[in-house]
Amino acid sequence: MKLIKSLVLGAALLASSSFVWAADQFIPLLSYRVGPYGSNGTSFFGGMIDYMNLVNINGGINGVKLIWEECETEYNPSRGVECYERLKSKNGGATIVEPVSTSIAYGILDRVATDKIPLTTLGYGRSDAANGKVFPYVFPLLTTYWNQAAAMVVYLGEKSGGMDKLKGKKIVHLYHDSAYGKEPLPVLEAEAAKYGFELIKIPVAPPGNEQQSQWLQIRQANPDYVIMWTFGVMSAVGLKTAQRNGFPREKILGVWWAGSEEDTEPAGEAAKGYSAMSFNTPGNFPLIDEIRNKVYSAGKGNLKELDRVGNVMYMRGITAAVMMVEGLRTAQNKYGKGKTVTGEQMRWGLENLNIDAARQKALGVSDMFPTIKTSCDDHEGSGAVKVVQWDGKQWVAVSKNWITGDKALVRKLLEESSASYAKEKGITPACMK
């Protein structure tokens, strides 16, 4: 009798403590946690993994469990391609890929179309890929480098007292000498012609540990503003070198990948008062608290340093994961709840995203990022940004509302560039069903 009671009790405990998953959904992670960009990647992918763990703790996506595998790219394009090829067919096949690297994204751009695996490039990558008629499997979600560059010009125009006051001014584009750093040039050049400012281009060879010669050029040019389009150690070195050369940090405006704690904390006093663009609003959010309470309290957190939970790069990883999960959820609503989504179905889900204010509130991320609504014509879905500033201890929002630049100009350039790509590749632009 005691044996029967023990077996019944054991079965009851097993049933209450386990969950029978309907299916698995595989996500390859082309991450980087070592090298000059390792700290940025660790926070970003840590945020992604923490959110995926939270989704699983809460029962998955209609019972579908998220599974993943990391492959270290070191932010190296060839390694990124190798990692993609190694992981794309594992565990039933990849559903989506997010490498957080413009160079890696360029390296697999044609491959994802052939493999029918959506590539998301959250706030980076090839900007004209926002045209889904030409790039059906590429999604530069939320905002692109082109819309960011256009918003930068608007912000600098406002600082100058009006867009007409930009005429005759000098603006330096100090950039990571790669596809990433060169990506905004078409917009900046068009804006310079439109508003009459001089655009001075100064490249920095990665990783950018030495920038004295570049800042000597800047001091000699005596520009009104410097756009710092850097990444990793290059950002902190840039701020410290600017200080040594007497260039005011208040005249420096960073790209969002140069606007995180990983950029400013190593720069110390040289970063105080420095501003950058962002597609995230600084601060704490209910979702972050839920991750602390459910994921880290259960010992499943991805980051060892708990003070990094909630920092800028971590929140961007959270944002990328939210987009991914909402895309999966949207696809399931069409193709079957509780079922594994294919790459083709995921493409449809990402092309029909609609994360409005109500959905943000339900997810615990109200105003963490701009609301987003995608379509075949618009794989970006927003284009809005904020300006944030480092006060010496934390990032604070300078712009309370989301701002946009000259979207008409950006769209014109996008159409021209994507049409040229389509002609080169023999693509007939059309919306996929």
Protein backbone atom coordinates (compact mmCIF):
# COMPACT_ATOMS: atom_id res chain seq x y z
CA MET A 1 0.00 0.00 0.00
CA LYS A 2 2.83 2.35 0.93
CA LEU A 3 4.54 1.51 -2.37
CA ILE A 4 1.39 2.39 -4.36
CA LYS A 5 1.00 5.67 -2.46
CA SER A 6 4.65 6.52 -3.14
CA LEU A 7 4.27 5.82 -6.85
CA VAL A 8 1.10 7.93 -7.06
CA LEU A 9 2.75 10.79 -5.16
CA GLY A 10 5.85 10.58 -7.36
CA ALA A 11 3.75 10.68 -10.54
CA ALA A 12 1.84 13.69 -9.23
CA LEU A 13 5.04 15.55 -8.40
CA LEU A 14 6.49 14.70 -11.80
CA ALA A 15 3.39 15.97 -13.56
CA SER A 16 3.40 19.21 -11.59
CA SER A 17 7.10 19.92 -12.11
CA SER A 18 7.46 19.06 -15.80
CA PHE A 19 5.98 20.31 -19.03
CA VAL A 20 5.34 18.37 -22.21
CA TRP A 21 6.49 20.64 -25.02
CA ALA A 22 4.48 20.68 -28.23
CA ALA A 23 7.56 21.31 -30.39
CA ASP A 24 11.00 22.94 -30.49
CA GLN A 25 11.97 26.08 -32.39
CA PHE A 26 15.70 26.37 -33.18
CA ILE A 27 17.49 29.73 -33.11
CA PRO A 28 21.19 29.84 -34.13
CA LEU A 29 23.14 32.56 -32.32
CA LEU A 30 26.06 34.01 -34.26
CA SER A 31 27.46 35.64 -31.14
CA TYR A 32 30.73 37.30 -30.17
CA ARG A 33 31.98 37.34 -26.59
CA VAL A 34 35.74 37.69 -27.13
CA GLY A 35 37.94 40.26 -28.84
CA PRO A 36 37.62 44.07 -29.03
CA TYR A 37 33.83 43.89 -29.36
CA GLY A 38 33.29 41.07 -26.86
CA SER A 39 31.78 43.13 -24.04
CA ASN A 40 29.16 44.58 -26.41
CA GLY A 41 28.27 41.16 -27.78
CA THR A 42 28.12 39.55 -24.34
CA SER A 43 25.52 42.06 -23.16
CA PHE A 44 23.48 41.89 -26.39
CA PHE A 45 23.34 38.11 -26.67
CA GLY A 46 22.92 37.83 -22.91
CA GLY A 47 19.74 39.88 -23.25
CA MET A 48 18.50 37.69 -26.11
CA ILE A 49 19.11 34.48 -24.19
CA ASP A 50 17.56 35.80 -20.97
CA TYR A 51 14.37 36.70 -22.84
CA MET A 52 14.23 33.32 -24.56
CA ASN A 53 14.68 31.63 -21.18
CA LEU A 54 11.84 33.75 -19.79
CA VAL A 55 9.58 32.76 -22.69
CA ASN A 56 10.30 29.09 -21.98
CA ILE A 57 9.69 29.54 -18.24
CA ASN A 58 6.32 31.04 -19.11
CA GLY A 59 5.38 28.04 -21.28
CA GLY A 60 7.03 28.88 -24.60
CA ILE A 61 5.12 30.22 -27.59
CA ASN A 62 1.80 28.38 -27.35
CA GLY A 63 3.73 25.43 -25.97
CA VAL A 64 6.62 25.62 -28.45
CA LYS A 65 10.01 25.64 -26.71
CA LEU A 66 12.82 27.87 -27.92
CA ILE A 67 16.19 26.14 -28.27
CA TRP A 68 19.44 27.71 -29.42
CA GLU A 69 23.14 27.17 -29.99
CA GLU A 70 25.91 29.76 -29.97
CA CYS A 71 28.82 29.96 -32.39
CA GLU A 72 31.61 32.44 -31.65
CA THR A 73 32.22 34.77 -34.62
CA GLU A 74 34.61 37.23 -32.92
CA TYR A 75 32.76 39.83 -35.07
CA ASN A 76 34.75 38.45 -38.00
CA PRO A 77 32.92 38.23 -41.38
CA SER A 78 34.46 34.93 -42.50
CA ARG A 79 33.86 33.33 -39.10
CA GLY A 80 30.30 34.62 -39.21
CA VAL A 81 29.68 32.90 -42.54
CA GLU A 82 31.23 29.69 -41.18
CA CYS A 83 28.99 29.81 -38.10
CA TYR A 84 25.91 30.40 -40.25
CA GLU A 85 26.70 27.43 -42.48
CA ARG A 86 27.46 25.22 -39.46
CA LEU A 87 24.22 25.97 -37.64
CA LYS A 88 21.63 26.62 -40.32
CA SER A 89 20.57 22.96 -40.72
CA LYS A 90 20.77 21.87 -37.09
CA ASN A 91 17.79 20.83 -34.95
CA GLY A 92 15.31 20.77 -37.80
CA GLY A 93 16.67 23.92 -39.41
CA ALA A 94 17.19 27.54 -38.43
CA THR A 95 14.19 29.84 -38.22
CA ILE A 96 15.91 33.22 -38.05
CA VAL A 97 19.42 34.63 -37.73
CA GLU A 98 20.61 37.87 -36.05
CA PRO A 99 24.42 38.34 -36.23
CA VAL A 100 24.64 41.93 -34.88
CA SER A 101 27.33 42.73 -37.43
CA THR A 102 26.96 44.65 -40.70
CA SER A 103 29.91 42.83 -42.28
CA ILE A 104 28.56 39.39 -41.36
CA ALA A 105 25.09 40.42 -42.55
CA TYR A 106 26.57 41.39 -45.93
CA GLY A 107 28.38 38.05 -46.02
CA ILE A 108 25.21 35.98 -45.68
CA LEU A 109 22.78 38.32 -47.45
CA ASP A 110 22.46 36.22 -50.60
CA ARG A 111 22.63 32.94 -48.68
CA VAL A 112 19.57 33.61 -46.54
CA ALA A 113 17.44 34.25 -49.62
CA THR A 114 18.50 30.90 -51.08
CA ASP A 115 18.09 29.09 -47.75
CA LYS A 116 14.82 30.88 -46.95
CA ILE A 117 15.97 31.85 -43.46
CA PRO A 118 15.02 35.41 -42.40
CA LEU A 119 17.92 37.67 -41.45
CA THR A 120 17.12 40.44 -38.96
CA THR A 121 19.49 43.40 -38.68
CA LEU A 122 18.17 45.40 -35.74
CA GLY A 123 19.28 48.97 -36.32
CA TYR A 124 22.19 48.07 -38.60
CA GLY A 125 23.10 46.33 -41.87
CA ARG A 126 22.13 47.18 -45.41
CA SER A 127 19.61 50.03 -45.24
CA ASP A 128 17.98 49.50 -48.64
CA ALA A 129 17.00 45.99 -47.47
CA ALA A 130 13.97 47.73 -45.96
CA ASN A 131 12.44 47.19 -49.43
CA GLY A 132 10.88 43.74 -49.00
CA LYS A 133 10.06 43.50 -52.70
CA VAL A 134 13.77 43.12 -53.41
CA PHE A 135 14.99 41.67 -50.08
CA PRO A 136 12.16 39.36 -48.94
CA TYR A 137 14.30 37.59 -46.33
CA VAL A 138 16.10 40.60 -44.82
CA PHE A 139 14.55 42.71 -42.05
CA PRO A 140 16.40 45.84 -40.81
CA LEU A 141 13.85 46.17 -38.03
CA LEU A 142 12.94 49.38 -36.16
CA THR A 143 15.36 51.71 -37.92
CA THR A 144 18.25 51.74 -40.36
CA TYR A 145 21.55 53.55 -40.55
CA TRP A 146 20.09 55.77 -43.27
CA ASN A 147 17.17 56.92 -41.12
CA GLN A 148 19.53 57.34 -38.19
CA ALA A 149 21.87 59.53 -40.27
CA ALA A 150 18.90 61.61 -41.44
CA ALA A 151 17.75 62.04 -37.82
CA MET A 152 21.29 63.03 -36.81
CA VAL A 153 21.24 65.88 -39.34
CA VAL A 154 17.86 67.04 -38.03
CA TYR A 155 19.17 67.02 -34.44
CA LEU A 156 22.35 68.91 -35.38
CA GLY A 157 20.21 71.38 -37.32
CA GLU A 158 18.08 72.00 -34.23
CA LYS A 159 21.24 72.47 -32.13
CA SER A 160 22.41 75.05 -34.66
CA GLY A 161 19.17 77.03 -34.43
CA GLY A 162 17.42 75.68 -37.53
CA MET A 163 18.16 73.57 -40.60
CA ASP A 164 19.10 76.67 -42.61
CA LYS A 165 21.87 77.37 -40.09
CA LEU A 166 23.71 74.23 -41.19
CA LYS A 167 24.83 76.02 -44.36
CA GLY A 168 28.58 76.63 -44.26
CA LYS A 169 29.16 74.42 -41.21
CA LYS A 170 31.65 71.55 -41.07
CA ILE A 171 30.59 68.10 -39.94
CA VAL A 172 33.16 65.31 -39.56
CA HIS A 173 32.13 61.70 -40.10
CA LEU A 174 34.67 59.75 -38.01
CA TYR A 175 34.00 56.15 -38.88
CA HIS A 176 34.92 52.50 -38.40
CA ASP A 177 36.62 51.69 -41.72
CA SER A 178 34.27 48.88 -42.76
CA ALA A 179 30.90 48.34 -44.41
CA TYR A 180 29.37 49.39 -41.08
CA GLY A 181 31.12 52.76 -40.99
CA LYS A 182 30.53 53.52 -44.68
CA GLU A 183 26.82 52.61 -44.66
CA PRO A 184 25.44 56.10 -43.80
CA LEU A 185 27.52 57.96 -46.40
CA PRO A 186 24.84 58.11 -49.15
CA VAL A 187 22.46 59.91 -46.78
CA LEU A 188 25.09 62.19 -45.23
CA GLU A 189 26.35 63.17 -48.68
CA ALA A 190 22.81 63.89 -49.91
CA GLU A 191 22.05 65.92 -46.77
CA ALA A 192 25.31 67.89 -47.17
CA ALA A 193 24.30 68.83 -50.73
CA LYS A 194 20.78 69.74 -49.60
CA TYR A 195 21.69 71.90 -46.59
CA GLY A 196 25.09 73.20 -47.69
CA PHE A 197 27.34 71.87 -44.95
CA GLU A 198 30.80 70.41 -45.59
CA LEU A 199 31.11 66.69 -44.87
CA ILE A 200 34.62 65.63 -43.88
CA LYS A 201 35.20 61.85 -43.89
CA ILE A 202 37.87 60.42 -41.60
CA PRO A 203 38.22 56.62 -41.36
CA VAL A 204 39.63 54.70 -38.40
CA ALA A 205 41.10 51.24 -38.98
CA PRO A 206 39.59 48.64 -36.62
CA PRO A 207 39.89 48.03 -33.76
CA GLY A 208 40.87 51.70 -33.33
CA ASN A 209 43.16 51.57 -30.30
CA GLU A 210 45.13 54.54 -31.64
CA GLN A 211 43.37 57.66 -33.04
CA GLN A 212 45.80 60.51 -32.44
CA SER A 213 46.31 61.22 -36.15
CA GLN A 214 42.55 61.32 -36.80
CA TRP A 215 41.90 63.76 -33.97
CA LEU A 216 44.78 65.94 -35.11
CA GLN A 217 42.99 66.14 -38.48
CA ILE A 218 39.81 67.07 -36.65
CA ARG A 219 41.54 69.75 -34.61
CA GLN A 220 43.02 71.23 -37.79
CA ALA A 221 39.64 71.15 -39.59
CA ASN A 222 37.96 72.75 -36.54
CA PRO A 223 34.50 71.30 -37.34
CA ASP A 224 31.25 72.38 -35.75
CA TYR A 225 30.29 68.77 -35.02
CA VAL A 226 31.76 65.26 -35.12
CA ILE A 227 29.60 62.25 -35.87
CA MET A 228 31.39 59.35 -34.18
CA TRP A 229 30.42 56.18 -36.07
CA THR A 230 32.53 53.77 -34.03
CA PHE A 231 32.18 50.44 -32.21
CA GLY A 232 33.82 48.59 -29.33
CA VAL A 233 37.09 49.92 -27.92
CA MET A 234 37.17 52.48 -30.74
CA SER A 235 34.42 54.50 -29.02
CA ALA A 236 36.10 54.94 -25.63
CA VAL A 237 39.44 55.63 -27.31
CA GLY A 238 37.76 58.26 -29.47
CA LEU A 239 36.26 60.07 -26.48
CA LYS A 240 39.52 60.02 -24.52
CA THR A 241 41.55 61.18 -27.54
CA ALA A 242 39.06 63.98 -28.19
CA GLN A 243 39.52 65.14 -24.60
CA ARG A 244 43.32 65.10 -24.92
CA ASN A 245 43.06 67.21 -28.06
CA GLY A 246 40.68 69.70 -26.46
CA PHE A 247 37.65 68.88 -28.60
CA PRO A 248 34.39 69.40 -26.64
CA ARG A 249 32.40 66.20 -26.14
CA GLU A 250 29.22 68.31 -26.40
CA LYS A 251 30.00 68.66 -30.10
CA ILE A 252 30.27 64.87 -30.59
CA LEU A 253 27.23 62.82 -31.57
CA GLY A 254 27.63 59.06 -31.56
CA VAL A 255 25.98 56.31 -33.55
CA TRP A 256 23.87 54.07 -31.31
CA TRP A 257 26.54 51.34 -31.31
CA ALA A 258 28.79 53.92 -29.65
CA GLY A 259 26.10 54.80 -27.11
CA SER A 260 26.25 52.15 -24.39
CA GLU A 261 27.85 51.69 -20.98
CA GLU A 262 30.57 49.62 -22.68
CA ASP A 263 31.54 52.81 -24.55
CA THR A 264 31.31 55.43 -21.82
CA GLU A 265 32.40 53.71 -18.61
CA PRO A 266 35.93 52.92 -19.91
CA ALA A 267 36.24 56.56 -21.07
CA GLY A 268 35.62 57.91 -17.57
CA GLU A 269 35.34 61.69 -17.27
CA ALA A 270 35.94 62.08 -21.02
CA ALA A 271 32.43 60.72 -21.70
CA LYS A 272 30.41 62.96 -19.38
CA GLY A 273 28.05 65.10 -21.47
CA TYR A 274 28.51 62.98 -24.60
CA SER A 275 25.36 62.32 -26.66
CA ALA A 276 24.41 59.47 -28.98
CA MET A 277 21.45 58.21 -30.98
CA SER A 278 19.35 55.32 -29.69
CA PHE A 279 16.42 53.12 -30.64
CA ASN A 280 15.85 52.32 -26.96
CA THR A 281 14.67 54.52 -24.11
CA PRO A 282 16.96 54.26 -21.05
CA GLY A 283 15.42 53.13 -17.76
CA ASN A 284 13.89 50.14 -16.03
CA PHE A 285 10.89 48.25 -17.38
CA PRO A 286 8.50 45.62 -15.96
CA LEU A 287 9.97 43.04 -18.34
CA ILE A 288 13.46 43.56 -16.92
CA ASP A 289 12.10 43.06 -13.40
CA GLU A 290 10.35 39.88 -14.54
CA ILE A 291 13.64 38.55 -15.93
CA ARG A 292 15.41 39.29 -12.65
CA ASN A 293 12.64 37.63 -10.64
CA LYS A 294 12.07 34.56 -12.81
CA VAL A 295 15.27 33.91 -14.75
CA TYR A 296 18.07 35.07 -12.46
CA SER A 297 16.38 33.93 -9.26
CA ALA A 298 16.16 30.45 -10.85
CA GLY A 299 19.87 30.50 -11.69
CA LYS A 300 19.22 30.61 -15.44
CA GLY A 301 20.56 34.10 -16.15
CA ASN A 302 23.14 34.37 -18.92
CA LEU A 303 25.22 37.21 -17.49
CA LYS A 304 27.61 36.82 -14.56
CA GLU A 305 27.64 40.57 -13.80
CA LEU A 306 24.11 41.32 -12.58
CA ASP A 307 24.68 45.08 -12.86
CA ARG A 308 24.74 44.65 -16.66
CA VAL A 309 21.14 43.42 -16.65
CA GLY A 310 19.20 46.41 -17.96
CA ASN A 311 22.12 48.25 -19.56
CA VAL A 312 21.83 49.62 -23.11
CA MET A 313 23.33 46.71 -25.05
CA TYR A 314 21.37 44.23 -22.93
CA MET A 315 18.12 46.07 -23.70
CA ARG A 316 18.94 45.93 -27.41
CA GLY A 317 19.33 42.16 -27.09
CA ILE A 318 15.96 42.06 -25.33
CA THR A 319 14.46 44.16 -28.14
CA ALA A 320 15.83 41.82 -30.82
CA ALA A 321 14.43 38.80 -28.97
CA VAL A 322 11.02 40.46 -28.53
CA MET A 323 10.87 41.11 -32.30
CA MET A 324 11.83 37.50 -32.96
CA VAL A 325 9.25 36.02 -30.57
CA GLU A 326 6.50 38.33 -31.80
CA GLY A 327 7.35 37.29 -35.36
CA LEU A 328 7.05 33.63 -34.35
CA ARG A 329 3.79 34.33 -32.55
CA THR A 330 2.37 36.17 -35.60
CA ALA A 331 3.41 33.30 -37.87
CA GLN A 332 1.80 30.74 -35.54
CA ASN A 333 -1.44 32.70 -35.60
CA LYS A 334 -1.55 32.15 -39.35
CA TYR A 335 0.02 28.72 -39.80
CA GLY A 336 -0.98 26.92 -36.60
CA LYS A 337 -0.59 27.60 -32.89
CA GLY A 338 1.67 25.20 -31.05
CA LYS A 339 3.53 24.23 -34.22
CA THR A 340 7.14 24.76 -35.27
CA VAL A 341 7.41 27.64 -37.73
CA THR A 342 9.47 27.25 -40.91
CA GLY A 343 11.79 29.93 -42.26
CA GLU A 344 9.28 30.81 -44.97
CA GLN A 345 6.48 31.12 -42.42
CA MET A 346 8.71 33.20 -40.16
CA ARG A 347 9.33 35.57 -43.07
CA TRP A 348 5.58 36.16 -43.25
CA GLY A 349 5.41 36.69 -39.50
CA LEU A 350 8.16 39.33 -39.56
CA GLU A 351 6.55 41.05 -42.55
CA ASN A 352 3.28 41.36 -40.61
CA LEU A 353 4.58 42.56 -37.26
CA ASN A 354 2.42 45.04 -35.39
CA ILE A 355 3.80 45.90 -31.96
CA ASP A 356 1.70 48.91 -31.03
CA ALA A 357 1.52 50.71 -27.68
CA ALA A 358 -1.04 48.25 -26.31
CA ARG A 359 1.13 45.26 -27.21
CA GLN A 360 4.20 46.94 -25.72
CA LYS A 361 2.31 47.44 -22.45
CA ALA A 362 1.21 43.80 -22.39
CA LEU A 363 4.85 42.74 -22.85
CA GLY A 364 6.11 45.10 -20.15
CA VAL A 365 8.16 47.21 -22.56
CA SER A 366 6.11 50.40 -22.98
CA ASP A 367 8.22 52.93 -24.90
CA MET A 368 11.37 50.77 -24.60
CA PHE A 369 11.52 51.00 -28.40
CA PRO A 370 9.34 52.77 -31.00
CA THR A 371 6.13 51.06 -32.04
CA ILE A 372 6.63 48.98 -35.16
CA LYS A 373 4.41 47.90 -38.03
CA THR A 374 6.02 46.14 -40.98
CA SER A 375 4.84 45.37 -44.51
CA CYS A 376 6.22 44.14 -47.82
CA ASP A 377 7.24 47.70 -48.74
CA ASP A 378 8.66 48.40 -45.30
CA HIS A 379 10.77 45.76 -43.55
CA GLU A 380 11.97 48.46 -41.16
CA GLY A 381 8.60 49.33 -39.67
CA SER A 382 9.45 52.59 -37.92
CA GLY A 383 12.55 54.72 -38.52
CA ALA A 384 12.14 56.66 -35.27
CA VAL A 385 15.02 57.37 -32.88
CA LYS A 386 15.91 59.22 -29.69
CA VAL A 387 18.94 61.19 -28.57
CA VAL A 388 20.43 60.10 -25.24
CA GLN A 389 23.17 61.61 -23.11
CA TRP A 390 25.67 60.16 -20.62
CA ASP A 391 25.55 62.09 -17.35
CA GLY A 392 28.62 60.38 -15.90
CA LYS A 393 26.67 57.54 -14.31
CA GLN A 394 23.85 56.61 -16.64
CA TRP A 395 22.17 57.33 -19.97
CA VAL A 396 19.24 59.74 -19.94
CA ALA A 397 16.90 60.63 -22.80
CA VAL A 398 17.47 64.09 -24.26
CA SER A 399 14.51 63.80 -26.63
CA LYS A 400 11.32 62.81 -24.82
CA ASN A 401 9.50 61.85 -28.02
CA TRP A 402 10.66 59.67 -30.89
CA ILE A 403 12.05 61.71 -33.79
CA THR A 404 12.56 61.04 -37.50
CA GLY A 405 14.69 62.63 -40.18
CA ASP A 406 13.95 63.26 -43.85
CA LYS A 407 12.16 59.97 -44.57
CA ALA A 408 11.22 61.05 -48.09
CA LEU A 409 14.90 61.50 -48.97
CA VAL A 410 15.77 58.17 -47.39
CA ARG A 411 12.99 56.40 -49.27
CA LYS A 412 14.17 57.89 -52.57
CA LEU A 413 17.70 56.63 -51.96
CA LEU A 414 16.34 53.28 -50.82
CA GLU A 415 14.30 52.81 -53.99
CA GLU A 416 17.23 53.74 -56.22
CA SER A 417 19.71 51.52 -54.42
CA SER A 418 17.44 48.47 -54.13
CA ALA A 419 16.46 48.83 -57.82
CA SER A 420 20.14 48.77 -58.76
CA TYR A 421 20.67 45.65 -56.62
CA ALA A 422 17.65 43.95 -58.19
CA LYS A 423 18.98 44.66 -61.69
CA GLU A 424 22.43 43.35 -60.78
CA LYS A 425 21.02 40.13 -59.29
CA GLY A 426 18.29 39.58 -61.88
CA ILE A 427 15.51 40.00 -59.30
CA THR A 428 11.99 41.01 -60.33
CA PRO A 429 10.72 43.10 -57.39
CA ALA A 430 7.47 41.71 -56.02
CA CYS A 431 5.73 41.01 -52.73
CA MET A 432 5.82 37.39 -51.59
CA LYS A 433 2.59 35.74 -50.42
